[in-house]
Amino acid sequence: MPVPLSRDAILEHLREILPHRIDVDPALLVPDAALADIGIDSFALIELVFLAEETYGIRIPMEGLKVRTLGDVLEVVVVRLEEVG
């Protein structure tokens, strides 16, 4: 299956696959959503990073990763895709 690469497509793809890996309501997966507010703690963030790495073939270093919202995570994925693309 081709991997979506536009920002909107990545967000939509994460909405589809994330609830299968992390217990989160897909309706809450909006860019402004604070990770803590949607139940993504530090352990779930690690799972989310691994999922993004696996899905998009990128590497996201956890050291120094500062993300507070889903939009922040989305931005990291987009930047990493641009760097490797």
C-alpha atoms as a PDB file:
ATOM      1  CA  MET A   1       0.000   0.000   0.000  1.00  0.00           C
ATOM      2  CA  PRO A   2       1.482   3.414  -0.923  1.00  0.00           C
ATOM      3  CA  VAL A   3       2.274   5.618   2.028  1.00  0.00           C
ATOM      4  CA  PRO A   4       0.556   9.039   2.043  1.00  0.00           C
ATOM      5  CA  LEU A   5       2.990  11.953   2.131  1.00  0.00           C
ATOM      6  CA  SER A   6       0.969  15.178   2.304  1.00  0.00           C
ATOM      7  CA  ARG A   7       0.387  16.632   5.769  1.00  0.00           C
ATOM      8  CA  ASP A   8      -3.385  16.015   5.553  1.00  0.00           C
ATOM      9  CA  ALA A   9      -2.886  12.503   4.204  1.00  0.00           C
ATOM     10  CA  ILE A  10      -0.425  11.665   6.991  1.00  0.00           C
ATOM     11  CA  LEU A  11      -2.890  12.918   9.612  1.00  0.00           C
ATOM     12  CA  GLU A  12      -5.716  10.908   8.076  1.00  0.00           C
ATOM     13  CA  HIS A  13      -3.502   7.821   7.874  1.00  0.00           C
ATOM     14  CA  LEU A  14      -2.537   8.200  11.541  1.00  0.00           C
ATOM     15  CA  ARG A  15      -6.239   8.516  12.421  1.00  0.00           C
ATOM     16  CA  GLU A  16      -6.860   5.205  10.683  1.00  0.00           C
ATOM     17  CA  ILE A  17      -3.990   3.192  12.120  1.00  0.00           C
ATOM     18  CA  LEU A  18      -3.248   4.734  15.522  1.00  0.00           C
ATOM     19  CA  PRO A  19      -6.404   3.455  17.288  1.00  0.00           C
ATOM     20  CA  HIS A  20      -5.347  -0.107  16.404  1.00  0.00           C
ATOM     21  CA  ARG A  21      -2.051   0.342  18.253  1.00  0.00           C
ATOM     22  CA  ILE A  22      -2.942   2.816  21.013  1.00  0.00           C
ATOM     23  CA  ASP A  23      -6.245   3.053  22.854  1.00  0.00           C
ATOM     24  CA  VAL A  24      -7.412   6.423  21.526  1.00  0.00           C
ATOM     25  CA  ASP A  25     -10.639   7.706  19.981  1.00  0.00           C
ATOM     26  CA  PRO A  26      -9.946   8.640  16.309  1.00  0.00           C
ATOM     27  CA  ALA A  27     -12.269  11.654  16.636  1.00  0.00           C
ATOM     28  CA  LEU A  28      -9.813  13.151  19.131  1.00  0.00           C
ATOM     29  CA  LEU A  29      -6.898  12.908  16.704  1.00  0.00           C
ATOM     30  CA  VAL A  30      -6.745  16.516  15.546  1.00  0.00           C
ATOM     31  CA  PRO A  31      -3.574  18.631  15.201  1.00  0.00           C
ATOM     32  CA  ASP A  32      -4.390  20.877  18.179  1.00  0.00           C
ATOM     33  CA  ALA A  33      -5.017  17.947  20.518  1.00  0.00           C
ATOM     34  CA  ALA A  34      -2.639  17.900  23.457  1.00  0.00           C
ATOM     35  CA  LEU A  35      -1.138  14.427  23.658  1.00  0.00           C
ATOM     36  CA  ALA A  36      -1.890  14.179  27.383  1.00  0.00           C
ATOM     37  CA  ASP A  37      -5.526  15.136  26.783  1.00  0.00           C
ATOM     38  CA  ILE A  38      -6.065  12.296  24.318  1.00  0.00           C
ATOM     39  CA  GLY A  39      -4.386   9.702  26.508  1.00  0.00           C
ATOM     40  CA  ILE A  40      -0.981   9.592  24.867  1.00  0.00           C
ATOM     41  CA  ASP A  41       1.509   9.374  27.719  1.00  0.00           C
ATOM     42  CA  SER A  42       5.268   8.922  27.358  1.00  0.00           C
ATOM     43  CA  PHE A  43       4.910   5.189  26.696  1.00  0.00           C
ATOM     44  CA  ALA A  44       2.221   5.704  24.074  1.00  0.00           C
ATOM     45  CA  LEU A  45       4.382   8.429  22.501  1.00  0.00           C
ATOM     46  CA  ILE A  46       7.172   5.890  22.063  1.00  0.00           C
ATOM     47  CA  GLU A  47       4.666   3.571  20.368  1.00  0.00           C
ATOM     48  CA  LEU A  48       3.500   6.456  18.159  1.00  0.00           C
ATOM     49  CA  VAL A  49       7.091   7.263  17.162  1.00  0.00           C
ATOM     50  CA  PHE A  50       7.805   3.610  16.358  1.00  0.00           C
ATOM     51  CA  LEU A  51       4.608   3.470  14.329  1.00  0.00           C
ATOM     52  CA  ALA A  52       5.611   6.564  12.329  1.00  0.00           C
ATOM     53  CA  GLU A  53       9.118   5.203  11.779  1.00  0.00           C
ATOM     54  CA  GLU A  54       7.775   1.841  10.631  1.00  0.00           C
ATOM     55  CA  THR A  55       5.075   3.329   8.420  1.00  0.00           C
ATOM     56  CA  TYR A  56       7.104   6.061   6.737  1.00  0.00           C
ATOM     57  CA  GLY A  57      10.589   4.530   6.729  1.00  0.00           C
ATOM     58  CA  ILE A  58      12.072   7.381   8.750  1.00  0.00           C
ATOM     59  CA  ARG A  59      14.085   7.682  11.943  1.00  0.00           C
ATOM     60  CA  ILE A  60      12.828   9.964  14.717  1.00  0.00           C
ATOM     61  CA  PRO A  61      15.361  10.332  17.537  1.00  0.00           C
ATOM     62  CA  MET A  62      13.620  10.238  20.919  1.00  0.00           C
ATOM     63  CA  GLU A  63      16.428  12.134  22.620  1.00  0.00           C
ATOM     64  CA  GLY A  64      15.437  15.767  22.822  1.00  0.00           C
ATOM     65  CA  LEU A  65      12.051  15.141  21.165  1.00  0.00           C
ATOM     66  CA  LYS A  66       9.716  17.849  22.439  1.00  0.00           C
ATOM     67  CA  VAL A  67       6.165  17.361  21.270  1.00  0.00           C
ATOM     68  CA  ARG A  68       3.036  18.426  23.115  1.00  0.00           C
ATOM     69  CA  THR A  69       0.334  18.104  20.464  1.00  0.00           C
ATOM     70  CA  LEU A  70      -0.507  15.732  17.667  1.00  0.00           C
ATOM     71  CA  GLY A  71       0.344  18.599  15.318  1.00  0.00           C
ATOM     72  CA  ASP A  72       3.869  18.680  16.784  1.00  0.00           C
ATOM     73  CA  VAL A  73       4.216  14.959  16.050  1.00  0.00           C
ATOM     74  CA  LEU A  74       2.862  15.496  12.556  1.00  0.00           C
ATOM     75  CA  GLU A  75       5.405  18.281  11.967  1.00  0.00           C
ATOM     76  CA  VAL A  76       8.275  16.021  13.068  1.00  0.00           C
ATOM     77  CA  VAL A  77       7.111  13.322  10.625  1.00  0.00           C
ATOM     78  CA  VAL A  78       6.805  15.828   7.763  1.00  0.00           C
ATOM     79  CA  VAL A  79      10.246  17.326   8.441  1.00  0.00           C
ATOM     80  CA  ARG A  80      11.881  13.878   8.626  1.00  0.00           C
ATOM     81  CA  LEU A  81      10.178  12.844   5.368  1.00  0.00           C
ATOM     82  CA  GLU A  82      11.468  16.008   3.682  1.00  0.00           C
ATOM     83  CA  GLU A  83      14.979  15.330   4.995  1.00  0.00           C
ATOM     84  CA  VAL A  84      15.094  11.794   3.612  1.00  0.00           C
ATOM     85  CA  GLY A  85      13.065  12.548   0.488  1.00  0.00           C
END
